[in-house]
Amino acid sequence: MVTQKKKILKTIIAYTLIAAITIVITATIYYSTYETIIIPYDYRIADYIGFNADNDQLHFGAGLPGTILERAIKITPQEETYISIFTDEDYVYPEENNIILVPNITKEITIYLHIPPKKIGAYQGHITVRQKKVKS
C-alpha cells in the first residue's frame, strides 16, 4: 500500500514538473516574439473639466464621473506590424485593437477613459502595447 502511494506521488510530481516546464517554455516563446511598450497614464476626478497637454505620458486631464476623456497615440511601423493594446482598467479602452499596421504609415489610435464613479482625486495606470512584426 505504501509503495503504491509513493508511486502515485512520484507520478504527480513528474506531471507537475512537466506542466511547469511547458508553461515556462510557452511563455518565453510568446513574450520573446512581441515587443512590449508600457505607456503610463493619469487622470483626475474633479468637479471641473481640465486639460493637460504634456506628452511625457498620456495625461487625460480632469472631469466629472461619467465623463469620457480621450487621448491619442501615434504609431509608425517600419515593417508590417500586428498591434494589440491592453489596459489595466475596463474603463480605459482603445478605439480599435488587434490591427495590422502598414509600413511607414502613421496610425493614430484614440484611447478613451470613461471616468468611473470614484471619489475626487488623482489616479494613474498604464496601457500595454504589444507589437509583432508580421512575417511574409
Protein backbone atom coordinates (compact mmCIF):
# COMPACT_ATOMS: atom_id res chain seq x y z
CA MET A 1 0.00 0.00 0.00
CA VAL A 2 2.82 2.42 0.93
CA THR A 3 4.68 1.56 -2.28
CA GLN A 4 1.55 2.32 -4.34
CA LYS A 5 1.18 5.75 -2.65
CA LYS A 6 4.84 6.56 -3.32
CA LYS A 7 4.40 5.62 -6.97
CA ILE A 8 1.32 7.85 -7.29
CA LEU A 9 3.17 10.73 -5.56
CA LYS A 10 6.15 10.37 -7.92
CA THR A 11 3.78 10.38 -10.92
CA ILE A 12 2.04 13.54 -9.67
CA ILE A 13 5.40 15.26 -9.11
CA ALA A 14 6.60 14.24 -12.59
CA TYR A 15 3.43 15.59 -14.27
CA THR A 16 3.63 18.81 -12.25
CA LEU A 17 7.25 19.31 -13.33
CA ILE A 18 6.38 18.66 -16.98
CA ALA A 19 3.49 21.15 -16.77
CA ALA A 20 5.69 23.81 -15.15
CA ILE A 21 8.42 23.39 -17.76
CA THR A 22 5.84 23.57 -20.58
CA ILE A 23 4.37 26.79 -19.17
CA VAL A 24 7.80 28.42 -18.87
CA ILE A 25 8.78 27.46 -22.42
CA THR A 26 5.44 28.66 -23.85
CA ALA A 27 5.65 31.99 -22.02
CA THR A 28 9.24 32.50 -23.14
CA ILE A 29 8.38 31.87 -26.78
CA TYR A 30 5.25 34.06 -26.64
CA TYR A 31 6.84 37.06 -24.95
CA SER A 32 10.07 36.92 -26.95
CA THR A 33 8.18 37.35 -30.23
CA TYR A 34 6.43 40.52 -29.10
CA GLU A 35 7.90 43.92 -28.39
CA THR A 36 6.08 45.41 -25.42
CA ILE A 37 5.72 49.13 -24.73
CA ILE A 38 4.25 50.34 -21.43
CA ILE A 39 2.58 53.76 -21.57
CA PRO A 40 1.68 55.30 -18.21
CA TYR A 41 -1.45 57.44 -17.95
CA ASP A 42 -3.10 59.63 -15.36
CA TYR A 43 -6.39 61.43 -14.85
CA ARG A 44 -8.16 63.41 -12.19
CA ILE A 45 -11.71 63.06 -10.97
CA ALA A 46 -12.80 66.59 -10.18
CA ASP A 47 -15.77 68.96 -10.15
CA TYR A 48 -14.33 70.76 -13.20
CA ILE A 49 -13.01 69.96 -16.68
CA GLY A 50 -9.25 70.21 -17.06
CA PHE A 51 -6.65 69.63 -19.77
CA ASN A 52 -3.01 68.60 -19.63
CA ALA A 53 -1.15 68.74 -22.94
CA ASP A 54 2.18 67.43 -21.61
CA ASN A 55 3.48 64.50 -23.65
CA ASP A 56 5.64 62.65 -21.12
CA GLN A 57 2.75 60.18 -20.68
CA LEU A 58 -0.96 60.05 -21.53
CA HIS A 59 -2.47 62.83 -19.42
CA PHE A 60 -6.23 62.52 -19.83
CA GLY A 61 -6.90 65.65 -17.79
CA ALA A 62 -9.79 66.07 -15.35
CA GLY A 63 -13.53 65.58 -15.39
CA LEU A 64 -16.63 64.51 -13.51
CA PRO A 65 -17.54 60.84 -13.02
CA GLY A 66 -19.24 59.59 -16.18
CA THR A 67 -17.23 61.91 -18.45
CA ILE A 68 -15.36 60.31 -21.33
CA LEU A 69 -11.84 61.67 -21.82
CA GLU A 70 -9.65 60.83 -24.78
CA ARG A 71 -6.04 60.96 -25.92
CA ALA A 72 -4.35 59.53 -28.98
CA ILE A 73 -1.19 57.57 -29.56
CA LYS A 74 0.60 57.51 -32.91
CA ILE A 75 2.47 54.52 -34.23
CA THR A 76 4.61 54.43 -37.39
CA PRO A 77 6.00 50.94 -38.01
CA GLN A 78 8.95 50.29 -40.30
CA GLU A 79 7.51 46.89 -41.27
CA GLU A 80 4.03 45.39 -41.42
CA THR A 81 3.18 45.04 -37.72
CA TYR A 82 0.40 43.46 -35.67
CA ILE A 83 -0.64 45.63 -32.71
CA SER A 84 -2.58 44.64 -29.57
CA ILE A 85 -3.47 47.12 -26.84
CA PHE A 86 -4.20 46.11 -23.24
CA THR A 87 -5.27 48.37 -20.39
CA ASP A 88 -5.18 47.86 -16.65
CA GLU A 89 -8.80 49.01 -16.19
CA ASP A 90 -12.03 48.20 -18.05
CA TYR A 91 -12.96 51.87 -18.26
CA VAL A 92 -9.81 52.62 -20.31
CA TYR A 93 -10.06 51.24 -23.84
CA PRO A 94 -8.71 51.79 -27.36
CA GLU A 95 -10.83 52.96 -30.30
CA GLU A 96 -9.61 49.94 -32.25
CA ASN A 97 -7.50 46.97 -31.31
CA ASN A 98 -5.77 43.90 -32.72
CA ILE A 99 -4.91 45.53 -36.02
CA ILE A 100 -2.21 45.20 -38.66
CA LEU A 101 -0.35 48.40 -39.47
CA VAL A 102 1.15 49.20 -42.86
CA PRO A 103 4.87 50.10 -43.05
CA ASN A 104 5.83 53.80 -42.95
CA ILE A 105 2.23 54.97 -42.47
CA THR A 106 1.41 56.70 -39.18
CA LYS A 107 -1.64 55.28 -37.45
CA GLU A 108 -3.39 57.31 -34.76
CA ILE A 109 -5.30 55.25 -32.21
CA THR A 110 -7.58 57.04 -29.77
CA ILE A 111 -7.60 55.79 -26.18
CA TYR A 112 -10.78 56.53 -24.20
CA LEU A 113 -11.13 56.83 -20.44
CA HIS A 114 -14.70 56.70 -19.11
CA ILE A 115 -14.29 58.24 -15.65
CA PRO A 116 -15.62 55.77 -13.08
CA PRO A 117 -17.75 56.68 -10.06
CA LYS A 118 -14.89 57.16 -7.62
CA LYS A 119 -14.14 59.94 -5.16
CA ILE A 120 -12.42 63.14 -6.26
CA GLY A 121 -8.68 62.67 -6.63
CA ALA A 122 -5.78 61.83 -8.92
CA TYR A 123 -5.48 58.37 -10.44
CA GLN A 124 -2.98 56.63 -12.66
CA GLY A 125 -2.44 53.40 -14.56
CA HIS A 126 -0.76 52.01 -17.64
CA ILE A 127 -1.52 50.85 -21.16
CA THR A 128 0.43 47.99 -22.69
CA VAL A 129 1.04 48.00 -26.43
CA ARG A 130 2.32 44.73 -27.86
CA GLN A 131 3.64 44.74 -31.37
CA LYS A 132 4.80 41.88 -33.51
CA LYS A 133 6.24 42.06 -36.99
CA VAL A 134 4.08 40.20 -39.49
CA LYS A 135 6.11 37.62 -41.33
CA SER A 136 5.56 37.45 -45.07
